Amino acid sequence: MLRGAALAAFLALGFATPCAASEDYPQVWLNAGFLSYHADREADFRENNIGFGAEAVFAPDHGLLAGNFINSQNFRSRYAMYEWRPLHWQPYGVNLSAGLIAGAVDGYPKYHDGGWYFGALPMLFFEGKRLGVNFTIVPGRTEGGRLVAIQLKIRVW
């Protein structure tokens, strides 16, 4: 319950002030990992996936993500992703984009023996002037099962 209240406060703070469509690129965003919710509630998956990451958006449709986090199995994972976000809206002055991220992840011992593997996921990007949220749904074929994940981020450039 506390996590939901913290998320609501973060979103309200970040989106309270409408912003015009930002045309200044590149944009650099930093994050502290993910919060996740696994569909399999009986498994002992970690849902506070803390870490550090950066996102560089070079144009409205293109960017890169890289970082690390403690994954659902309590191991350190690293990732490097390309983001393609061809769909754009601006409800209430908030920049909303949708698309895909694709790239490599490691650190899951039961999947490729913890080594690097390629993956792609759908992604929604909600961005205010300085604060944002990335949202994704991970299908059930992964080691951590089906889950939804959010990544809170702050714009530093």
N, C-alpha and C. Protein backbone atom coordinates (compact mmCIF):
# COMPACT_ATOMS: atom_id res chain seq x y z
N MET A 1 0.82 -1.19 0.00
CA MET A 1 0.00 0.00 0.00
C MET A 1 0.86 1.25 0.00
N LEU A 2 1.93 1.24 0.80
CA LEU A 2 2.83 2.39 0.87
C LEU A 2 3.50 2.62 -0.48
N ARG A 3 3.87 1.55 -1.17
CA ARG A 3 4.51 1.69 -2.48
C ARG A 3 3.56 2.37 -3.46
N GLY A 4 2.26 2.01 -3.42
CA GLY A 4 1.27 2.63 -4.30
C GLY A 4 1.10 4.11 -3.99
N ALA A 5 1.11 4.47 -2.72
CA ALA A 5 0.99 5.88 -2.33
C ALA A 5 2.22 6.67 -2.78
N ALA A 6 3.40 6.07 -2.65
CA ALA A 6 4.62 6.75 -3.09
C ALA A 6 4.61 6.96 -4.60
N LEU A 7 4.15 5.96 -5.33
CA LEU A 7 4.07 6.09 -6.78
C LEU A 7 3.08 7.17 -7.17
N ALA A 8 1.92 7.20 -6.52
CA ALA A 8 0.92 8.23 -6.83
C ALA A 8 1.47 9.63 -6.56
N ALA A 9 2.18 9.79 -5.45
CA ALA A 9 2.78 11.09 -5.13
C ALA A 9 3.82 11.49 -6.17
N PHE A 10 4.66 10.53 -6.58
CA PHE A 10 5.68 10.80 -7.60
C PHE A 10 5.04 11.24 -8.91
N LEU A 11 4.01 10.52 -9.33
CA LEU A 11 3.34 10.86 -10.59
C LEU A 11 2.66 12.22 -10.50
N ALA A 12 2.01 12.49 -9.39
CA ALA A 12 1.34 13.79 -9.24
C ALA A 12 2.35 14.92 -9.27
N LEU A 13 3.48 14.75 -8.60
CA LEU A 13 4.52 15.77 -8.58
C LEU A 13 5.10 16.00 -9.96
N GLY A 14 5.37 14.92 -10.67
CA GLY A 14 6.01 15.05 -11.97
C GLY A 14 5.11 15.55 -13.07
N PHE A 15 3.81 15.27 -12.97
CA PHE A 15 2.91 15.62 -14.05
C PHE A 15 1.99 16.78 -13.71
N ALA A 16 2.15 17.36 -12.53
CA ALA A 16 1.25 18.43 -12.10
C ALA A 16 1.37 19.67 -12.98
N THR A 17 2.55 19.94 -13.47
CA THR A 17 2.78 21.10 -14.31
C THR A 17 2.84 20.66 -15.77
N PRO A 18 1.84 21.04 -16.57
CA PRO A 18 1.89 20.65 -17.98
C PRO A 18 3.13 21.22 -18.65
N CYS A 19 3.64 20.49 -19.61
CA CYS A 19 4.80 20.98 -20.35
C CYS A 19 4.50 20.88 -21.84
N ALA A 20 5.10 21.76 -22.58
CA ALA A 20 4.96 21.71 -24.03
C ALA A 20 5.80 20.56 -24.56
N ALA A 21 5.48 20.11 -25.74
CA ALA A 21 6.27 19.05 -26.35
C ALA A 21 7.72 19.50 -26.41
N SER A 22 8.59 18.68 -25.85
CA SER A 22 9.99 19.06 -25.77
C SER A 22 10.70 18.67 -27.07
N GLU A 23 11.31 19.62 -27.69
CA GLU A 23 12.05 19.36 -28.92
C GLU A 23 13.55 19.49 -28.70
N ASP A 24 13.97 19.60 -27.45
CA ASP A 24 15.40 19.70 -27.18
C ASP A 24 15.98 18.31 -26.94
N TYR A 25 16.89 17.94 -27.78
CA TYR A 25 17.52 16.63 -27.71
C TYR A 25 19.02 16.81 -27.80
N PRO A 26 19.80 15.96 -27.20
CA PRO A 26 19.39 14.76 -26.49
C PRO A 26 18.82 15.07 -25.11
N GLN A 27 18.03 14.13 -24.60
CA GLN A 27 17.54 14.17 -23.24
C GLN A 27 18.21 13.03 -22.48
N VAL A 28 18.59 13.29 -21.25
CA VAL A 28 19.21 12.25 -20.42
C VAL A 28 18.38 12.08 -19.16
N TRP A 29 17.99 10.85 -18.90
CA TRP A 29 17.19 10.50 -17.74
C TRP A 29 17.96 9.48 -16.90
N LEU A 30 17.86 9.57 -15.58
CA LEU A 30 18.47 8.60 -14.67
C LEU A 30 17.37 7.89 -13.89
N ASN A 31 17.64 6.63 -13.52
CA ASN A 31 16.66 5.87 -12.74
C ASN A 31 17.38 5.05 -11.67
N ALA A 32 16.60 4.56 -10.72
CA ALA A 32 17.14 3.76 -9.61
C ALA A 32 16.65 2.32 -9.68
N GLY A 33 16.49 1.80 -10.89
CA GLY A 33 16.04 0.43 -11.07
C GLY A 33 14.55 0.36 -11.36
N PHE A 34 13.91 -0.72 -10.94
CA PHE A 34 12.51 -1.00 -11.26
C PHE A 34 11.73 -1.35 -10.01
N LEU A 35 10.43 -1.20 -10.12
CA LEU A 35 9.49 -1.83 -9.20
C LEU A 35 8.69 -2.79 -10.07
N SER A 36 8.47 -4.01 -9.60
CA SER A 36 7.76 -4.99 -10.41
C SER A 36 6.67 -5.67 -9.59
N TYR A 37 5.73 -6.25 -10.31
CA TYR A 37 4.65 -7.01 -9.70
C TYR A 37 4.50 -8.30 -10.49
N HIS A 38 4.80 -9.42 -9.86
CA HIS A 38 4.76 -10.71 -10.52
C HIS A 38 3.37 -11.34 -10.39
N ALA A 39 2.91 -11.95 -11.47
CA ALA A 39 1.61 -12.61 -11.47
C ALA A 39 1.60 -13.82 -10.54
N ASP A 40 2.71 -14.51 -10.45
CA ASP A 40 2.82 -15.68 -9.57
C ASP A 40 3.09 -15.20 -8.15
N ARG A 41 2.03 -15.01 -7.38
CA ARG A 41 2.16 -14.46 -6.03
C ARG A 41 2.71 -15.49 -5.04
N GLU A 42 2.71 -16.78 -5.39
CA GLU A 42 3.20 -17.80 -4.46
C GLU A 42 4.71 -17.97 -4.56
N ALA A 43 5.30 -17.55 -5.65
CA ALA A 43 6.75 -17.64 -5.79
C ALA A 43 7.39 -16.51 -4.98
N ASP A 44 8.61 -16.71 -4.60
CA ASP A 44 9.31 -15.72 -3.79
C ASP A 44 10.18 -14.82 -4.67
N PHE A 45 9.53 -14.09 -5.60
CA PHE A 45 10.27 -13.21 -6.49
C PHE A 45 10.50 -11.86 -5.83
N ARG A 46 11.65 -11.31 -6.07
CA ARG A 46 11.98 -9.97 -5.59
C ARG A 46 11.23 -8.97 -6.47
N GLU A 47 10.60 -7.97 -5.86
CA GLU A 47 9.85 -6.97 -6.62
C GLU A 47 10.43 -5.57 -6.48
N ASN A 48 11.36 -5.37 -5.59
CA ASN A 48 12.07 -4.11 -5.49
C ASN A 48 13.42 -4.30 -6.18
N ASN A 49 13.45 -4.04 -7.46
CA ASN A 49 14.62 -4.34 -8.29
C ASN A 49 15.51 -3.10 -8.40
N ILE A 50 16.13 -2.74 -7.27
CA ILE A 50 16.93 -1.53 -7.22
C ILE A 50 18.18 -1.67 -8.07
N GLY A 51 18.68 -0.54 -8.53
CA GLY A 51 19.88 -0.51 -9.35
C GLY A 51 20.15 0.91 -9.78
N PHE A 52 20.80 1.05 -10.92
CA PHE A 52 21.07 2.36 -11.49
C PHE A 52 21.05 2.24 -13.00
N GLY A 53 20.39 3.19 -13.65
CA GLY A 53 20.33 3.17 -15.10
C GLY A 53 20.26 4.56 -15.69
N ALA A 54 20.53 4.64 -16.97
CA ALA A 54 20.46 5.90 -17.70
C ALA A 54 19.75 5.66 -19.02
N GLU A 55 19.05 6.70 -19.46
CA GLU A 55 18.33 6.66 -20.73
C GLU A 55 18.70 7.92 -21.49
N ALA A 56 19.14 7.76 -22.71
CA ALA A 56 19.45 8.91 -23.58
C ALA A 56 18.49 8.87 -24.75
N VAL A 57 17.68 9.91 -24.89
CA VAL A 57 16.72 10.01 -25.98
C VAL A 57 17.30 10.99 -26.99
N PHE A 58 17.58 10.51 -28.20
CA PHE A 58 18.25 11.32 -29.21
C PHE A 58 17.30 12.06 -30.13
N ALA A 59 16.10 11.54 -30.27
CA ALA A 59 15.06 12.11 -31.12
C ALA A 59 13.73 11.60 -30.58
N PRO A 60 12.60 12.16 -30.97
CA PRO A 60 11.33 11.71 -30.41
C PRO A 60 11.09 10.19 -30.50
N ASP A 61 11.64 9.55 -31.54
CA ASP A 61 11.38 8.12 -31.74
C ASP A 61 12.51 7.19 -31.32
N HIS A 62 13.69 7.72 -30.92
CA HIS A 62 14.86 6.86 -30.74
C HIS A 62 15.64 7.20 -29.48
N GLY A 63 16.09 6.14 -28.78
CA GLY A 63 16.91 6.34 -27.60
C GLY A 63 17.63 5.07 -27.21
N LEU A 64 18.45 5.18 -26.18
CA LEU A 64 19.19 4.05 -25.64
C LEU A 64 18.99 3.99 -24.14
N LEU A 65 18.93 2.78 -23.60
CA LEU A 65 18.83 2.54 -22.16
C LEU A 65 19.96 1.61 -21.76
N ALA A 66 20.57 1.86 -20.60
CA ALA A 66 21.60 0.96 -20.08
C ALA A 66 21.61 1.08 -18.57
N GLY A 67 21.97 -0.02 -17.91
CA GLY A 67 22.05 0.03 -16.45
C GLY A 67 22.16 -1.34 -15.84
N ASN A 68 21.85 -1.40 -14.55
CA ASN A 68 21.87 -2.65 -13.83
C ASN A 68 20.81 -2.62 -12.75
N PHE A 69 20.44 -3.78 -12.24
CA PHE A 69 19.44 -3.89 -11.19
C PHE A 69 19.56 -5.26 -10.54
N ILE A 70 19.01 -5.40 -9.36
CA ILE A 70 18.93 -6.71 -8.72
C ILE A 70 17.65 -7.36 -9.23
N ASN A 71 17.79 -8.47 -9.95
CA ASN A 71 16.65 -9.07 -10.63
C ASN A 71 15.73 -9.85 -9.66
N SER A 72 14.69 -10.43 -10.21
CA SER A 72 13.69 -11.14 -9.42
C SER A 72 14.25 -12.35 -8.69
N GLN A 73 15.40 -12.85 -9.13
CA GLN A 73 16.05 -14.00 -8.51
C GLN A 73 17.15 -13.58 -7.53
N ASN A 74 17.25 -12.28 -7.23
CA ASN A 74 18.25 -11.71 -6.30
C ASN A 74 19.68 -11.77 -6.83
N PHE A 75 19.83 -11.72 -8.15
CA PHE A 75 21.15 -11.63 -8.77
C PHE A 75 21.25 -10.28 -9.49
N ARG A 76 22.45 -9.80 -9.67
CA ARG A 76 22.68 -8.55 -10.40
C ARG A 76 22.53 -8.79 -11.89
N SER A 77 21.71 -7.98 -12.55
CA SER A 77 21.54 -8.03 -14.00
C SER A 77 22.01 -6.71 -14.60
N ARG A 78 22.54 -6.79 -15.78
CA ARG A 78 22.91 -5.60 -16.56
C ARG A 78 22.09 -5.63 -17.84
N TYR A 79 21.82 -4.44 -18.39
CA TYR A 79 21.05 -4.38 -19.62
C TYR A 79 21.56 -3.24 -20.50
N ALA A 80 21.41 -3.43 -21.80
CA ALA A 80 21.69 -2.41 -22.81
C ALA A 80 20.59 -2.55 -23.86
N MET A 81 19.80 -1.50 -24.06
CA MET A 81 18.61 -1.57 -24.91
C MET A 81 18.53 -0.38 -25.86
N TYR A 82 17.94 -0.63 -26.99
CA TYR A 82 17.55 0.41 -27.94
C TYR A 82 16.05 0.62 -27.76
N GLU A 83 15.60 1.85 -27.76
CA GLU A 83 14.17 2.11 -27.67
C GLU A 83 13.67 2.76 -28.95
N TRP A 84 12.56 2.26 -29.43
CA TRP A 84 11.88 2.80 -30.61
C TRP A 84 10.48 3.14 -30.16
N ARG A 85 10.14 4.41 -30.20
CA ARG A 85 8.84 4.87 -29.71
C ARG A 85 8.13 5.68 -30.79
N PRO A 86 7.50 5.01 -31.75
CA PRO A 86 6.90 5.70 -32.88
C PRO A 86 5.54 6.35 -32.60
N LEU A 87 4.89 5.99 -31.51
CA LEU A 87 3.56 6.51 -31.22
C LEU A 87 3.65 7.59 -30.14
N HIS A 88 3.01 8.73 -30.39
CA HIS A 88 3.13 9.87 -29.46
C HIS A 88 1.77 10.52 -29.23
N TRP A 89 1.52 10.89 -27.98
CA TRP A 89 0.34 11.65 -27.59
C TRP A 89 0.78 12.69 -26.57
N GLN A 90 -0.10 13.65 -26.32
CA GLN A 90 0.21 14.63 -25.29
C GLN A 90 -1.06 14.96 -24.48
N PRO A 91 -1.58 13.99 -23.72
CA PRO A 91 -2.76 14.27 -22.90
C PRO A 91 -2.39 15.13 -21.70
N TYR A 92 -3.15 16.19 -21.49
CA TYR A 92 -2.95 17.07 -20.34
C TYR A 92 -1.53 17.62 -20.24
N GLY A 93 -0.85 17.78 -21.36
CA GLY A 93 0.50 18.33 -21.36
C GLY A 93 1.60 17.35 -20.99
N VAL A 94 1.25 16.07 -20.81
CA VAL A 94 2.23 15.05 -20.49
C VAL A 94 2.62 14.35 -21.79
N ASN A 95 3.92 14.19 -22.00
CA ASN A 95 4.39 13.48 -23.19
C ASN A 95 4.23 11.97 -22.95
N LEU A 96 3.44 11.33 -23.79
CA LEU A 96 3.21 9.89 -23.71
C LEU A 96 3.66 9.28 -25.03
N SER A 97 4.54 8.29 -24.94
CA SER A 97 5.03 7.59 -26.13
C SER A 97 4.86 6.10 -25.92
N ALA A 98 4.71 5.37 -27.01
CA ALA A 98 4.62 3.91 -26.95
C ALA A 98 5.50 3.32 -28.03
N GLY A 99 6.05 2.17 -27.72
CA GLY A 99 6.89 1.49 -28.70
C GLY A 99 7.49 0.23 -28.12
N LEU A 100 8.71 -0.07 -28.53
CA LEU A 100 9.41 -1.28 -28.12
C LEU A 100 10.79 -0.95 -27.62
N ILE A 101 11.27 -1.77 -26.69
CA ILE A 101 12.70 -1.75 -26.35
C ILE A 101 13.24 -3.11 -26.75
N ALA A 102 14.46 -3.13 -27.24
CA ALA A 102 15.10 -4.38 -27.65
C ALA A 102 16.58 -4.30 -27.32
N GLY A 103 17.11 -5.38 -26.81
CA GLY A 103 18.53 -5.39 -26.47
C GLY A 103 18.91 -6.61 -25.68
N ALA A 104 19.96 -6.48 -24.88
CA ALA A 104 20.53 -7.61 -24.17
C ALA A 104 20.46 -7.41 -22.65
N VAL A 105 20.26 -8.54 -21.96
CA VAL A 105 20.19 -8.59 -20.50
C VAL A 105 21.00 -9.80 -20.03
N ASP A 106 21.60 -9.71 -18.85
CA ASP A 106 22.27 -10.88 -18.28
C ASP A 106 21.85 -11.04 -16.82
N GLY A 107 22.42 -12.04 -16.14
CA GLY A 107 22.25 -12.17 -14.71
C GLY A 107 21.18 -13.12 -14.22
N TYR A 108 20.51 -13.84 -15.11
CA TYR A 108 19.49 -14.81 -14.69
C TYR A 108 20.10 -16.21 -14.78
N PRO A 109 20.48 -16.81 -13.64
CA PRO A 109 21.24 -18.06 -13.66
C PRO A 109 20.55 -19.23 -14.36
N LYS A 110 19.22 -19.28 -14.36
CA LYS A 110 18.52 -20.39 -15.01
C LYS A 110 18.21 -20.10 -16.48
N TYR A 111 18.61 -18.95 -16.94
CA TYR A 111 18.36 -18.56 -18.33
C TYR A 111 19.70 -18.23 -18.97
N HIS A 112 20.15 -19.03 -19.89
CA HIS A 112 21.45 -18.88 -20.54
C HIS A 112 22.59 -18.88 -19.52
N ASP A 113 22.43 -19.65 -18.46
CA ASP A 113 23.45 -19.78 -17.41
C ASP A 113 23.91 -18.42 -16.88
N GLY A 114 23.03 -17.47 -16.83
CA GLY A 114 23.37 -16.15 -16.31
C GLY A 114 24.02 -15.24 -17.33
N GLY A 115 24.24 -15.75 -18.54
CA GLY A 115 24.89 -14.96 -19.57
C GLY A 115 23.92 -14.03 -20.29
N TRP A 116 24.47 -13.34 -21.27
CA TRP A 116 23.69 -12.36 -22.02
C TRP A 116 22.69 -13.05 -22.94
N TYR A 117 21.51 -12.46 -23.07
CA TYR A 117 20.51 -12.93 -24.03
C TYR A 117 19.77 -11.73 -24.58
N PHE A 118 19.18 -11.91 -25.76
CA PHE A 118 18.46 -10.84 -26.44
C PHE A 118 16.99 -10.92 -26.10
N GLY A 119 16.35 -9.75 -25.98
CA GLY A 119 14.92 -9.71 -25.73
C GLY A 119 14.31 -8.43 -26.26
N ALA A 120 13.01 -8.43 -26.39
CA ALA A 120 12.26 -7.24 -26.81
C ALA A 120 10.96 -7.19 -26.01
N LEU A 121 10.56 -5.99 -25.64
CA LEU A 121 9.36 -5.79 -24.84
C LEU A 121 8.60 -4.55 -25.30
N PRO A 122 7.28 -4.55 -25.12
CA PRO A 122 6.52 -3.31 -25.36
C PRO A 122 6.80 -2.34 -24.22
N MET A 123 6.75 -1.05 -24.51
CA MET A 123 7.06 -0.06 -23.48
C MET A 123 6.19 1.17 -23.66
N LEU A 124 5.74 1.74 -22.55
CA LEU A 124 5.08 3.04 -22.52
C LEU A 124 5.99 4.00 -21.77
N PHE A 125 6.11 5.21 -22.29
CA PHE A 125 6.95 6.24 -21.69
C PHE A 125 6.06 7.43 -21.33
N PHE A 126 5.95 7.76 -20.04
CA PHE A 126 5.22 8.93 -19.57
C PHE A 126 6.26 9.93 -19.09
N GLU A 127 6.27 11.15 -19.67
CA GLU A 127 7.32 12.09 -19.32
C GLU A 127 6.77 13.49 -19.10
N GLY A 128 7.04 14.01 -17.92
CA GLY A 128 6.76 15.40 -17.61
C GLY A 128 8.01 16.21 -17.91
N LYS A 129 8.08 17.39 -17.36
CA LYS A 129 9.24 18.24 -17.62
C LYS A 129 10.51 17.66 -17.03
N ARG A 130 10.45 17.14 -15.80
CA ARG A 130 11.64 16.61 -15.13
C ARG A 130 11.49 15.17 -14.63
N LEU A 131 10.26 14.69 -14.48
CA LEU A 131 10.04 13.35 -13.96
C LEU A 131 9.28 12.50 -14.97
N GLY A 132 9.54 11.20 -14.93
CA GLY A 132 8.87 10.31 -15.87
C GLY A 132 8.77 8.90 -15.34
N VAL A 133 8.04 8.09 -16.07
CA VAL A 133 7.84 6.68 -15.74
C VAL A 133 7.88 5.87 -17.03
N ASN A 134 8.64 4.79 -17.01
CA ASN A 134 8.61 3.81 -18.08
C ASN A 134 7.82 2.61 -17.55
N PHE A 135 6.93 2.06 -18.38
CA PHE A 135 6.05 0.96 -17.97
C PHE A 135 6.13 -0.14 -19.00
N THR A 136 6.25 -1.40 -18.54
CA THR A 136 6.28 -2.53 -19.46
C THR A 136 5.58 -3.73 -18.86
N ILE A 137 5.18 -4.64 -19.73
CA ILE A 137 4.63 -5.92 -19.34
C ILE A 137 5.57 -6.99 -19.88
N VAL A 138 6.01 -7.90 -19.00
CA VAL A 138 6.93 -8.96 -19.40
C VAL A 138 6.12 -10.26 -19.50
N PRO A 139 6.20 -10.95 -20.64
CA PRO A 139 5.41 -12.17 -20.82
C PRO A 139 5.87 -13.29 -19.89
N GLY A 140 5.05 -14.30 -19.75
CA GLY A 140 5.30 -15.39 -18.82
C GLY A 140 6.42 -16.33 -19.19
N ARG A 141 7.04 -16.20 -20.34
CA ARG A 141 8.08 -17.16 -20.72
C ARG A 141 9.43 -16.83 -20.12
N THR A 142 9.52 -15.80 -19.29
CA THR A 142 10.79 -15.45 -18.65
C THR A 142 10.94 -16.21 -17.34
N GLU A 143 12.14 -16.21 -16.79
CA GLU A 143 12.42 -16.92 -15.54
C GLU A 143 11.58 -16.38 -14.38
N GLY A 144 11.30 -15.10 -14.37
CA GLY A 144 10.53 -14.50 -13.29
C GLY A 144 9.03 -14.58 -13.49
N GLY A 145 8.57 -15.25 -14.53
CA GLY A 145 7.14 -15.34 -14.81
C GLY A 145 6.59 -14.04 -15.34
N ARG A 146 5.27 -14.01 -15.55
CA ARG A 146 4.63 -12.79 -16.04
C ARG A 146 4.73 -11.70 -14.99
N LEU A 147 5.00 -10.47 -15.44
CA LEU A 147 5.08 -9.36 -14.51
C LEU A 147 4.85 -8.05 -15.23
N VAL A 148 4.53 -7.05 -14.44
CA VAL A 148 4.50 -5.67 -14.91
C VAL A 148 5.61 -4.95 -14.17
N ALA A 149 6.25 -4.01 -14.83
CA ALA A 149 7.36 -3.29 -14.21
C ALA A 149 7.25 -1.80 -14.52
N ILE A 150 7.61 -1.00 -13.53
CA ILE A 150 7.69 0.44 -13.73
C ILE A 150 9.08 0.90 -13.33
N GLN A 151 9.51 1.90 -14.04
CA GLN A 151 10.83 2.48 -13.80
C GLN A 151 10.62 3.99 -13.65
N LEU A 152 10.81 4.50 -12.46
CA LEU A 152 10.71 5.93 -12.21
C LEU A 152 12.00 6.59 -12.63
N LYS A 153 11.92 7.77 -13.25
CA LYS A 153 13.12 8.39 -13.77
C LYS A 153 13.06 9.91 -13.58
N ILE A 154 14.25 10.51 -13.56
CA ILE A 154 14.37 11.94 -13.43
C ILE A 154 15.26 12.44 -14.57
N ARG A 155 14.82 13.54 -15.18
CA ARG A 155 15.59 14.11 -16.30
C ARG A 155 16.68 15.01 -15.75
N VAL A 156 17.92 14.75 -16.18
CA VAL A 156 19.06 15.55 -15.73
C VAL A 156 19.63 16.43 -16.84
N TRP A 157 19.16 16.22 -18.08
CA TRP A 157 19.62 17.05 -19.20
C TRP A 157 18.50 17.13 -20.20
